[in-house]
C-alpha atoms as a PDB file:
ATOM      1  CA  UNK A   1      64.655  72.486  41.850  1.00  0.00           C
ATOM      2  CA  UNK A   2      68.036  74.065  41.471  1.00  0.00           C
ATOM      3  CA  UNK A   3      66.657  77.403  42.695  1.00  0.00           C
ATOM      4  CA  UNK A   4      65.267  75.833  45.904  1.00  0.00           C
ATOM      5  CA  UNK A   5      68.668  74.372  46.775  1.00  0.00           C
ATOM      6  CA  UNK A   6      70.229  77.763  46.191  1.00  0.00           C
ATOM      7  CA  UNK A   7      67.559  79.373  48.366  1.00  0.00           C
ATOM      8  CA  UNK A   8      68.171  76.890  51.211  1.00  0.00           C
ATOM      9  CA  UNK A   9      71.888  77.514  50.995  1.00  0.00           C
ATOM     10  CA  UNK A  10      71.359  81.253  51.329  1.00  0.00           C
ATOM     11  CA  UNK A  11      68.922  80.863  54.229  1.00  0.00           C
ATOM     12  CA  UNK A  12      71.401  78.714  56.176  1.00  0.00           C
ATOM     13  CA  UNK A  13      74.352  80.945  55.392  1.00  0.00           C
ATOM     14  CA  UNK A  14      75.631  83.335  58.050  1.00  0.00           C
ATOM     15  CA  UNK A  15      77.369  85.573  55.587  1.00  0.00           C
ATOM     16  CA  UNK A  16      76.090  89.052  56.217  1.00  0.00           C
ATOM     17  CA  UNK A  17      76.756  90.378  52.716  1.00  0.00           C
ATOM     18  CA  UNK A  18      75.160  87.473  50.854  1.00  0.00           C
ATOM     19  CA  UNK A  19      72.041  87.576  53.014  1.00  0.00           C
ATOM     20  CA  UNK A  20      71.592  91.284  52.512  1.00  0.00           C
ATOM     21  CA  UNK A  21      72.167  90.998  48.793  1.00  0.00           C
ATOM     22  CA  UNK A  22      69.567  88.250  48.608  1.00  0.00           C
ATOM     23  CA  UNK A  23      67.306  90.222  50.936  1.00  0.00           C
ATOM     24  CA  UNK A  24      67.265  93.158  48.549  1.00  0.00           C
ATOM     25  CA  UNK A  25      67.047  91.047  45.380  1.00  0.00           C
ATOM     26  CA  UNK A  26      64.483  88.553  46.741  1.00  0.00           C
ATOM     27  CA  UNK A  27      61.293  90.398  45.716  1.00  0.00           C
ATOM     28  CA  UNK A  28      62.341  90.463  42.061  1.00  0.00           C
ATOM     29  CA  UNK A  29      63.391  86.794  42.098  1.00  0.00           C
ATOM     30  CA  UNK A  30      60.230  85.626  43.862  1.00  0.00           C
ATOM     31  CA  UNK A  31      57.937  87.591  41.578  1.00  0.00           C
ATOM     32  CA  UNK A  32      59.492  85.895  38.562  1.00  0.00           C
ATOM     33  CA  UNK A  33      59.502  82.276  39.773  1.00  0.00           C
ATOM     34  CA  UNK A  34      56.615  81.878  42.229  1.00  0.00           C
ATOM     35  CA  UNK A  35      53.266  83.214  43.131  1.00  0.00           C
ATOM     36  CA  UNK A  36      52.965  86.359  45.212  1.00  0.00           C
ATOM     37  CA  UNK A  37      51.733  84.778  48.503  1.00  0.00           C
ATOM     38  CA  UNK A  38      54.528  82.240  48.593  1.00  0.00           C
ATOM     39  CA  UNK A  39      57.145  84.874  47.887  1.00  0.00           C
ATOM     40  CA  UNK A  40      55.849  87.069  50.703  1.00  0.00           C
ATOM     41  CA  UNK A  41      55.947  84.160  53.202  1.00  0.00           C
ATOM     42  CA  UNK A  42      59.492  83.190  52.221  1.00  0.00           C
ATOM     43  CA  UNK A  43      60.537  86.829  52.203  1.00  0.00           C
ATOM     44  CA  UNK A  44      59.201  87.280  55.746  1.00  0.00           C
ATOM     45  CA  UNK A  45      61.044  84.125  56.817  1.00  0.00           C
ATOM     46  CA  UNK A  46      64.198  85.468  55.201  1.00  0.00           C
ATOM     47  CA  UNK A  47      63.830  88.828  56.928  1.00  0.00           C
ATOM     48  CA  UNK A  48      63.604  87.114  60.307  1.00  0.00           C
ATOM     49  CA  UNK A  49      66.667  84.989  59.516  1.00  0.00           C
ATOM     50  CA  UNK A  50      68.587  88.005  58.286  1.00  0.00           C
ATOM     51  CA  UNK A  51      67.697  89.941  61.424  1.00  0.00           C
ATOM     52  CA  UNK A  52      68.744  87.089  63.719  1.00  0.00           C
ATOM     53  CA  UNK A  53      71.992  86.560  61.867  1.00  0.00           C
ATOM     54  CA  UNK A  54      72.451  90.291  61.614  1.00  0.00           C
ATOM     55  CA  UNK A  55      72.280  90.643  65.389  1.00  0.00           C
ATOM     56  CA  UNK A  56      74.791  87.829  65.812  1.00  0.00           C
ATOM     57  CA  UNK A  57      77.138  89.361  63.276  1.00  0.00           C
ATOM     58  CA  UNK A  58      76.600  92.834  64.691  1.00  0.00           C
ATOM     59  CA  UNK A  59      77.392  91.572  68.184  1.00  0.00           C
ATOM     60  CA  UNK A  60      80.523  89.825  66.862  1.00  0.00           C
ATOM     61  CA  UNK A  61      81.650  93.038  65.134  1.00  0.00           C
ATOM     62  CA  UNK A  62      80.899  95.028  68.298  1.00  0.00           C
ATOM     63  CA  UNK A  63      82.895  92.494  70.321  1.00  0.00           C
ATOM     64  CA  UNK A  64      85.720  92.815  67.803  1.00  0.00           C
ATOM     65  CA  UNK A  65      85.766  96.604  68.136  1.00  0.00           C
ATOM     66  CA  UNK A  66      85.548  96.367  71.911  1.00  0.00           C
ATOM     67  CA  UNK A  67      88.469  93.952  71.985  1.00  0.00           C
ATOM     68  CA  UNK A  68      90.507  96.239  69.708  1.00  0.00           C
ATOM     69  CA  UNK A  69      89.667  99.183  71.953  1.00  0.00           C
ATOM     70  CA  UNK A  70      90.502  97.129  75.035  1.00  0.00           C
ATOM     71  CA  UNK A  71      93.801  96.007  73.532  1.00  0.00           C
ATOM     72  CA  UNK A  72      94.709  99.565  72.565  1.00  0.00           C
ATOM     73  CA  UNK A  73      93.662 101.055  75.878  1.00  0.00           C
ATOM     74  CA  UNK A  74      95.257  98.145  77.720  1.00  0.00           C
ATOM     75  CA  UNK A  75      98.620  98.766  76.108  1.00  0.00           C
ATOM     76  CA  UNK A  76      98.350 102.484  76.877  1.00  0.00           C
ATOM     77  CA  UNK A  77      97.315 101.753  80.455  1.00  0.00           C
ATOM     78  CA  UNK A  78     100.157  99.245  80.776  1.00  0.00           C
ATOM     79  CA  UNK A  79     102.615 101.850  79.484  1.00  0.00           C
ATOM     80  CA  UNK A  80     101.291 104.374  82.022  1.00  0.00           C
ATOM     81  CA  UNK A  81     101.605 101.827  84.817  1.00  0.00           C
ATOM     82  CA  UNK A  82     105.178 101.035  83.755  1.00  0.00           C
ATOM     83  CA  UNK A  83     105.947 104.755  83.598  1.00  0.00           C
ATOM     84  CA  UNK A  84     104.519 105.322  87.083  1.00  0.00           C
ATOM     85  CA  UNK A  85     106.450 102.328  88.382  1.00  0.00           C
ATOM     86  CA  UNK A  86     109.683 103.637  86.826  1.00  0.00           C
ATOM     87  CA  UNK A  87     109.051 107.108  88.263  1.00  0.00           C
ATOM     88  CA  UNK A  88     108.330 105.618  91.686  1.00  0.00           C
ATOM     89  CA  UNK A  89     111.512 103.540  91.473  1.00  0.00           C
ATOM     90  CA  UNK A  90     113.498 106.617  90.420  1.00  0.00           C
ATOM     91  CA  UNK A  91     112.085 108.611  93.346  1.00  0.00           C
ATOM     92  CA  UNK A  92     112.923 105.764  95.699  1.00  0.00           C
ATOM     93  CA  UNK A  93     116.479 105.587  94.346  1.00  0.00           C
ATOM     94  CA  UNK A  94     116.805 109.364  94.676  1.00  0.00           C
ATOM     95  CA  UNK A  95     115.573 109.148  98.264  1.00  0.00           C
ATOM     96  CA  UNK A  96     118.107 106.392  98.988  1.00  0.00           C
ATOM     97  CA  UNK A  97     120.862 108.541  97.443  1.00  0.00           C
ATOM     98  CA  UNK A  98     119.835 111.509  99.580  1.00  0.00           C
ATOM     99  CA  UNK A  99     119.801 109.357 102.721  1.00  0.00           C
ATOM    100  CA  UNK A 100     123.238 107.980 101.813  1.00  0.00           C
ATOM    101  CA  UNK A 101     124.574 111.505 101.238  1.00  0.00           C
ATOM    102  CA  UNK A 102     123.146 112.617 104.569  1.00  0.00           C
ATOM    103  CA  UNK A 103     124.649 109.609 106.340  1.00  0.00           C
ATOM    104  CA  UNK A 104     128.053 110.257 104.758  1.00  0.00           C
ATOM    105  CA  UNK A 105     127.805 113.946 105.627  1.00  0.00           C
ATOM    106  CA  UNK A 106     126.992 113.011 109.226  1.00  0.00           C
ATOM    107  CA  UNK A 107     130.051 110.739 109.291  1.00  0.00           C
ATOM    108  CA  UNK A 108     132.222 113.553 107.918  1.00  0.00           C
ATOM    109  CA  UNK A 109     130.784 115.970 110.476  1.00  0.00           C
ATOM    110  CA  UNK A 110     131.439 113.471 113.265  1.00  0.00           C
ATOM    111  CA  UNK A 111     135.042 112.978 112.100  1.00  0.00           C
ATOM    112  CA  UNK A 112     135.515 116.738 111.884  1.00  0.00           C
ATOM    113  CA  UNK A 113     134.054 117.202 115.358  1.00  0.00           C
ATOM    114  CA  UNK A 114     136.395 114.527 116.744  1.00  0.00           C
ATOM    115  CA  UNK A 115     139.329 116.100 114.919  1.00  0.00           C
ATOM    116  CA  UNK A 116     138.513 119.538 116.306  1.00  0.00           C
ATOM    117  CA  UNK A 117     138.094 118.110 119.786  1.00  0.00           C
ATOM    118  CA  UNK A 118     141.454 116.335 119.519  1.00  0.00           C
ATOM    119  CA  UNK A 119     143.045 119.528 118.188  1.00  0.00           C
ATOM    120  CA  UNK A 120     141.691 121.447 121.177  1.00  0.00           C
ATOM    121  CA  UNK A 121     142.975 118.767 123.551  1.00  0.00           C
ATOM    122  CA  UNK A 122     146.414 118.930 121.949  1.00  0.00           C
ATOM    123  CA  UNK A 123     146.432 122.744 122.180  1.00  0.00           C
ATOM    124  CA  UNK A 124     145.442 122.519 125.810  1.00  0.00           C
ATOM    125  CA  UNK A 125     148.172 119.939 126.482  1.00  0.00           C
ATOM    126  CA  UNK A 126     150.727 122.115 124.708  1.00  0.00           C
ATOM    127  CA  UNK A 127     149.666 125.084 126.822  1.00  0.00           C
ATOM    128  CA  UNK A 128     150.020 123.024 129.965  1.00  0.00           C
ATOM    129  CA  UNK A 129     153.444 121.796 128.878  1.00  0.00           C
ATOM    130  CA  UNK A 130     154.517 125.316 128.032  1.00  0.00           C
ATOM    131  CA  UNK A 131     153.259 126.534 131.370  1.00  0.00           C
ATOM    132  CA  UNK A 132     155.048 123.714 133.141  1.00  0.00           C
ATOM    133  CA  UNK A 133     158.214 124.599 131.259  1.00  0.00           C
ATOM    134  CA  UNK A 134     157.901 128.249 132.271  1.00  0.00           C
ATOM    135  CA  UNK A 135     157.242 127.259 135.844  1.00  0.00           C
ATOM    136  CA  UNK A 136     160.165 124.889 135.733  1.00  0.00           C
ATOM    137  CA  UNK A 137     162.371 127.630 134.250  1.00  0.00           C
ATOM    138  CA  UNK A 138     161.256 130.045 136.967  1.00  0.00           C
ATOM    139  CA  UNK A 139     161.894 127.465 139.604  1.00  0.00           C
ATOM    140  CA  UNK A 140     165.339 126.810 138.156  1.00  0.00           C
ATOM    141  CA  UNK A 141     166.133 130.504 137.997  1.00  0.00           C
ATOM    142  CA  UNK A 142     164.970 130.889 141.578  1.00  0.00           C
ATOM    143  CA  UNK A 143     167.184 128.012 142.666  1.00  0.00           C
ATOM    144  CA  UNK A 144     170.086 129.469 140.818  1.00  0.00           C
ATOM    145  CA  UNK A 145     169.491 132.802 142.488  1.00  0.00           C
ATOM    146  CA  UNK A 146     169.138 131.208 145.893  1.00  0.00           C
ATOM    147  CA  UNK A 147     172.331 129.304 145.342  1.00  0.00           C
ATOM    148  CA  UNK A 148     174.088 132.474 144.267  1.00  0.00           C
ATOM    149  CA  UNK A 149     172.853 134.194 147.349  1.00  0.00           C
ATOM    150  CA  UNK A 150     174.079 131.359 149.503  1.00  0.00           C
ATOM    151  CA  UNK A 151     177.446 131.524 147.851  1.00  0.00           C
ATOM    152  CA  UNK A 152     177.647 135.213 148.238  1.00  0.00           C
ATOM    153  CA  UNK A 153     176.687 135.077 151.802  1.00  0.00           C
END
């Protein structure tokens, strides 16, 4: 009676190790306690149970390994995505810096061009003033000469 309860407990159990241990020890136990035909029928029933539970446990273990692989690969993939994002951000910042440098250089060039233009205008004005002064000096010298001639005459 006690052995039957133990047998039912093992049959219902989903523990992979206990079922396999019982699976391998069952022929010796059944040959001692029962007749041969009964032991073969129970053994066949046990084998089917072990196989069903084995597939469930095997699928759970496979799912466990797949989830571990997925978690590992997911973290690596996430790190790669973050790295690509950081690189893209860095390239974008570098592009913005280059555009800013170019804009500032254009502003400096524009200021320099305006400065040079103003310098040329000032030089031209100074030339005109100098020319006017020379012309005015000539005119004054001519007047002085004409006045001297008038006095002398």
